[in-house]
Amino acid sequence: MCSHYEAPSSHQVAEAFGVALFDQGRLDLWPGYIGLFLRRPDRRAEDNDSSATMKVLTGSFGLIPSWSKDSKFAKRTYNARSETVAENPSFRHA
């Protein structure tokens, strides 16, 4: 996973993905930061609505395992090492 994400402008996103303009928020995202993300409609759903569009949502950038109680954990999971990834609880089931 990347350790840094620089968001495009809301105008670029709106034009490229056909979403409504939105408040930009933070442009410079690091693990654990809150930012804006696009979510594609789930095409696997049984009630597949072909008119469904992308959604702009707020979320935490980074991998936060379901068992973690601390959102700061994202700062420790952005780099998986091949030597330990199989034993590391954060990546074991990935």
N, C-alpha and C. Protein backbone atom coordinates (compact mmCIF):
# COMPACT_ATOMS: atom_id res chain seq x y z
N MET A 1 0.84 -1.18 0.00
CA MET A 1 0.00 0.00 0.00
C MET A 1 0.88 1.23 0.00
N CYS A 2 0.39 2.27 -0.55
CA CYS A 2 1.13 3.54 -0.57
C CYS A 2 1.08 4.18 0.80
N SER A 3 2.10 4.98 1.10
CA SER A 3 2.12 5.68 2.38
C SER A 3 1.61 7.10 2.25
N HIS A 4 1.28 7.52 1.05
CA HIS A 4 0.87 8.91 0.84
C HIS A 4 -0.08 8.97 -0.35
N TYR A 5 -1.08 9.83 -0.24
CA TYR A 5 -2.06 9.97 -1.31
C TYR A 5 -2.38 11.44 -1.47
N GLU A 6 -2.23 11.95 -2.66
CA GLU A 6 -2.58 13.34 -2.93
C GLU A 6 -3.83 13.35 -3.79
N ALA A 7 -4.90 13.89 -3.23
CA ALA A 7 -6.19 13.87 -3.91
C ALA A 7 -6.24 14.86 -5.07
N PRO A 8 -6.92 14.49 -6.14
CA PRO A 8 -7.13 15.45 -7.23
C PRO A 8 -8.17 16.48 -6.80
N SER A 9 -8.31 17.54 -7.56
CA SER A 9 -9.29 18.57 -7.22
C SER A 9 -10.71 18.03 -7.40
N SER A 10 -11.66 18.63 -6.71
CA SER A 10 -13.05 18.18 -6.83
C SER A 10 -13.56 18.36 -8.26
N HIS A 11 -13.07 19.36 -8.97
CA HIS A 11 -13.47 19.56 -10.37
C HIS A 11 -12.98 18.41 -11.25
N GLN A 12 -11.75 17.96 -11.03
CA GLN A 12 -11.21 16.84 -11.80
C GLN A 12 -12.01 15.56 -11.54
N VAL A 13 -12.32 15.31 -10.28
CA VAL A 13 -13.07 14.10 -9.92
C VAL A 13 -14.48 14.15 -10.50
N ALA A 14 -15.14 15.30 -10.36
CA ALA A 14 -16.51 15.45 -10.88
C ALA A 14 -16.55 15.22 -12.39
N GLU A 15 -15.58 15.75 -13.09
CA GLU A 15 -15.55 15.61 -14.55
C GLU A 15 -15.22 14.17 -14.96
N ALA A 16 -14.27 13.55 -14.30
CA ALA A 16 -13.82 12.21 -14.69
C ALA A 16 -14.82 11.11 -14.33
N PHE A 17 -15.52 11.26 -13.20
CA PHE A 17 -16.38 10.18 -12.72
C PHE A 17 -17.86 10.51 -12.70
N GLY A 18 -18.21 11.72 -13.12
CA GLY A 18 -19.62 12.07 -13.19
C GLY A 18 -20.30 12.21 -11.84
N VAL A 19 -19.58 12.65 -10.83
CA VAL A 19 -20.18 12.88 -9.52
C VAL A 19 -20.39 14.38 -9.32
N ALA A 20 -21.25 14.71 -8.37
CA ALA A 20 -21.50 16.12 -8.06
C ALA A 20 -20.27 16.72 -7.40
N LEU A 21 -20.08 18.02 -7.57
CA LEU A 21 -18.98 18.70 -6.89
C LEU A 21 -19.16 18.56 -5.39
N PHE A 22 -18.07 18.52 -4.67
CA PHE A 22 -18.09 18.30 -3.23
C PHE A 22 -17.06 19.19 -2.56
N ASP A 23 -17.20 19.35 -1.25
CA ASP A 23 -16.19 20.09 -0.49
C ASP A 23 -14.90 19.31 -0.55
N GLN A 24 -13.82 19.98 -0.91
CA GLN A 24 -12.56 19.30 -1.17
C GLN A 24 -11.97 18.65 0.08
N GLY A 25 -11.91 19.36 1.18
CA GLY A 25 -11.28 18.80 2.37
C GLY A 25 -9.77 18.72 2.17
N ARG A 26 -9.16 17.81 2.86
CA ARG A 26 -7.71 17.64 2.84
C ARG A 26 -7.24 17.05 1.51
N LEU A 27 -6.19 17.62 0.95
CA LEU A 27 -5.63 17.10 -0.31
C LEU A 27 -4.48 16.14 -0.07
N ASP A 28 -3.76 16.33 1.00
CA ASP A 28 -2.55 15.60 1.31
C ASP A 28 -2.85 14.55 2.38
N LEU A 29 -3.00 13.28 1.99
CA LEU A 29 -3.42 12.24 2.92
C LEU A 29 -2.29 11.27 3.23
N TRP A 30 -2.16 10.96 4.51
CA TRP A 30 -1.21 9.98 5.02
C TRP A 30 -2.02 8.95 5.82
N PRO A 31 -1.48 7.76 6.10
CA PRO A 31 -2.23 6.76 6.86
C PRO A 31 -2.82 7.34 8.14
N GLY A 32 -4.11 7.08 8.33
CA GLY A 32 -4.82 7.56 9.50
C GLY A 32 -5.55 8.87 9.29
N TYR A 33 -5.24 9.59 8.21
CA TYR A 33 -5.91 10.87 7.93
C TYR A 33 -7.31 10.60 7.37
N ILE A 34 -8.21 11.51 7.64
CA ILE A 34 -9.56 11.43 7.09
C ILE A 34 -9.60 12.21 5.78
N GLY A 35 -10.16 11.60 4.76
CA GLY A 35 -10.23 12.25 3.46
C GLY A 35 -11.44 11.77 2.67
N LEU A 36 -11.55 12.25 1.45
CA LEU A 36 -12.66 11.87 0.58
C LEU A 36 -12.23 10.76 -0.37
N PHE A 37 -13.13 9.81 -0.61
CA PHE A 37 -12.87 8.67 -1.48
C PHE A 37 -14.08 8.43 -2.36
N LEU A 38 -13.85 7.81 -3.50
CA LEU A 38 -14.94 7.41 -4.39
C LEU A 38 -15.25 5.94 -4.17
N ARG A 39 -16.53 5.62 -4.13
CA ARG A 39 -16.92 4.21 -4.03
C ARG A 39 -17.79 3.87 -5.23
N ARG A 40 -17.38 2.83 -5.91
CA ARG A 40 -18.10 2.33 -7.08
C ARG A 40 -19.29 1.49 -6.62
N PRO A 41 -20.41 1.52 -7.35
CA PRO A 41 -21.55 0.68 -6.96
C PRO A 41 -21.18 -0.80 -7.05
N ASP A 42 -21.77 -1.60 -6.18
CA ASP A 42 -21.51 -3.03 -6.16
C ASP A 42 -22.28 -3.69 -7.31
N ARG A 43 -21.56 -4.12 -8.31
CA ARG A 43 -22.19 -4.73 -9.49
C ARG A 43 -22.61 -6.18 -9.23
N ARG A 44 -22.19 -6.75 -8.10
CA ARG A 44 -22.53 -8.13 -7.80
C ARG A 44 -23.89 -8.28 -7.13
N ALA A 45 -24.45 -7.18 -6.66
CA ALA A 45 -25.72 -7.23 -5.94
C ALA A 45 -26.82 -7.82 -6.83
N GLU A 46 -27.71 -8.58 -6.21
CA GLU A 46 -28.80 -9.20 -6.97
C GLU A 46 -29.73 -8.17 -7.58
N ASP A 47 -29.95 -7.08 -6.86
CA ASP A 47 -30.81 -6.02 -7.38
C ASP A 47 -29.97 -5.01 -8.14
N ASN A 48 -29.15 -5.50 -9.04
CA ASN A 48 -28.21 -4.67 -9.79
C ASN A 48 -28.93 -3.53 -10.51
N ASP A 49 -28.64 -2.31 -10.08
CA ASP A 49 -29.23 -1.12 -10.68
C ASP A 49 -28.19 -0.51 -11.61
N SER A 50 -28.39 -0.65 -12.90
CA SER A 50 -27.39 -0.17 -13.86
C SER A 50 -27.26 1.34 -13.85
N SER A 51 -28.23 2.03 -13.22
CA SER A 51 -28.15 3.49 -13.17
C SER A 51 -27.40 3.99 -11.94
N ALA A 52 -26.93 3.07 -11.09
CA ALA A 52 -26.20 3.47 -9.88
C ALA A 52 -24.93 4.21 -10.27
N THR A 53 -24.60 5.24 -9.51
CA THR A 53 -23.43 6.05 -9.81
C THR A 53 -22.41 5.97 -8.69
N MET A 54 -21.26 6.51 -8.97
CA MET A 54 -20.20 6.59 -7.96
C MET A 54 -20.67 7.46 -6.80
N LYS A 55 -20.14 7.18 -5.61
CA LYS A 55 -20.46 7.98 -4.44
C LYS A 55 -19.18 8.57 -3.88
N VAL A 56 -19.27 9.80 -3.40
CA VAL A 56 -18.15 10.44 -2.72
C VAL A 56 -18.39 10.28 -1.23
N LEU A 57 -17.45 9.62 -0.54
CA LEU A 57 -17.59 9.33 0.88
C LEU A 57 -16.37 9.80 1.66
N THR A 58 -16.56 10.00 2.94
CA THR A 58 -15.46 10.33 3.83
C THR A 58 -14.95 9.03 4.45
N GLY A 59 -13.64 8.89 4.56
CA GLY A 59 -13.08 7.70 5.16
C GLY A 59 -11.68 7.92 5.67
N SER A 60 -11.18 6.92 6.36
CA SER A 60 -9.82 6.95 6.90
C SER A 60 -8.90 6.27 5.91
N PHE A 61 -7.83 6.95 5.50
CA PHE A 61 -6.89 6.39 4.55
C PHE A 61 -5.96 5.42 5.28
N GLY A 62 -5.89 4.20 4.80
CA GLY A 62 -4.99 3.22 5.39
C GLY A 62 -5.72 1.93 5.74
N LEU A 63 -4.94 0.94 6.12
CA LEU A 63 -5.48 -0.35 6.51
C LEU A 63 -5.65 -0.37 8.03
N ILE A 64 -6.89 -0.51 8.46
CA ILE A 64 -7.17 -0.64 9.89
C ILE A 64 -7.87 -1.98 10.06
N PRO A 65 -7.18 -2.98 10.63
CA PRO A 65 -7.78 -4.30 10.78
C PRO A 65 -9.06 -4.22 11.62
N SER A 66 -10.00 -5.12 11.37
CA SER A 66 -11.29 -5.11 12.08
C SER A 66 -11.11 -5.28 13.58
N TRP A 67 -10.06 -5.96 14.00
CA TRP A 67 -9.85 -6.21 15.43
C TRP A 67 -9.15 -5.05 16.14
N SER A 68 -8.68 -4.08 15.40
CA SER A 68 -7.97 -2.95 16.02
C SER A 68 -8.96 -1.97 16.63
N LYS A 69 -8.65 -1.52 17.84
CA LYS A 69 -9.50 -0.55 18.53
C LYS A 69 -8.98 0.87 18.35
N ASP A 70 -7.81 1.02 17.75
CA ASP A 70 -7.15 2.33 17.64
C ASP A 70 -6.97 2.71 16.18
N SER A 71 -7.54 3.83 15.77
CA SER A 71 -7.41 4.26 14.37
C SER A 71 -5.97 4.63 14.02
N LYS A 72 -5.13 4.89 15.01
CA LYS A 72 -3.73 5.21 14.75
C LYS A 72 -2.96 3.98 14.25
N PHE A 73 -3.59 2.82 14.32
CA PHE A 73 -2.97 1.58 13.86
C PHE A 73 -2.63 1.65 12.38
N ALA A 74 -3.33 2.49 11.62
CA ALA A 74 -3.09 2.63 10.18
C ALA A 74 -1.66 3.06 9.89
N LYS A 75 -1.03 3.75 10.83
CA LYS A 75 0.35 4.19 10.63
C LYS A 75 1.33 3.02 10.66
N ARG A 76 0.89 1.88 11.19
CA ARG A 76 1.79 0.72 11.28
C ARG A 76 1.50 -0.35 10.23
N THR A 77 0.53 -0.11 9.35
CA THR A 77 0.16 -1.16 8.40
C THR A 77 0.30 -0.76 6.94
N TYR A 78 0.98 0.32 6.66
CA TYR A 78 1.08 0.72 5.25
C TYR A 78 2.22 0.03 4.52
N ASN A 79 3.04 -0.72 5.22
CA ASN A 79 4.18 -1.37 4.58
C ASN A 79 4.25 -2.83 5.03
N ALA A 80 3.92 -3.74 4.13
CA ALA A 80 4.00 -5.17 4.43
C ALA A 80 5.36 -5.69 3.98
N ARG A 81 6.06 -6.33 4.90
CA ARG A 81 7.38 -6.90 4.57
C ARG A 81 7.21 -8.38 4.21
N SER A 82 7.80 -8.79 3.12
CA SER A 82 7.64 -10.17 2.65
C SER A 82 8.14 -11.19 3.67
N GLU A 83 9.12 -10.81 4.48
CA GLU A 83 9.69 -11.74 5.46
C GLU A 83 8.72 -12.04 6.60
N THR A 84 7.82 -11.13 6.92
CA THR A 84 6.95 -11.31 8.08
C THR A 84 5.46 -11.24 7.77
N VAL A 85 5.09 -11.02 6.53
CA VAL A 85 3.68 -10.81 6.20
C VAL A 85 2.80 -12.01 6.55
N ALA A 86 3.29 -13.22 6.43
CA ALA A 86 2.49 -14.41 6.71
C ALA A 86 2.18 -14.56 8.20
N GLU A 87 3.06 -14.05 9.06
CA GLU A 87 2.85 -14.16 10.50
C GLU A 87 2.20 -12.93 11.12
N ASN A 88 2.27 -11.81 10.44
CA ASN A 88 1.76 -10.55 10.99
C ASN A 88 0.23 -10.59 11.02
N PRO A 89 -0.39 -10.40 12.20
CA PRO A 89 -1.85 -10.46 12.30
C PRO A 89 -2.57 -9.48 11.38
N SER A 90 -1.95 -8.37 11.06
CA SER A 90 -2.59 -7.37 10.20
C SER A 90 -2.78 -7.87 8.78
N PHE A 91 -1.90 -8.75 8.31
CA PHE A 91 -1.92 -9.19 6.91
C PHE A 91 -2.18 -10.68 6.75
N ARG A 92 -2.18 -11.43 7.81
CA ARG A 92 -2.23 -12.89 7.76
C ARG A 92 -3.37 -13.42 6.88
N HIS A 93 -4.54 -12.83 6.96
CA HIS A 93 -5.70 -13.34 6.22
C HIS A 93 -5.95 -12.60 4.91
N ALA A 94 -5.03 -11.76 4.52
CA ALA A 94 -5.20 -10.98 3.28
C ALA A 94 -4.90 -11.83 2.06
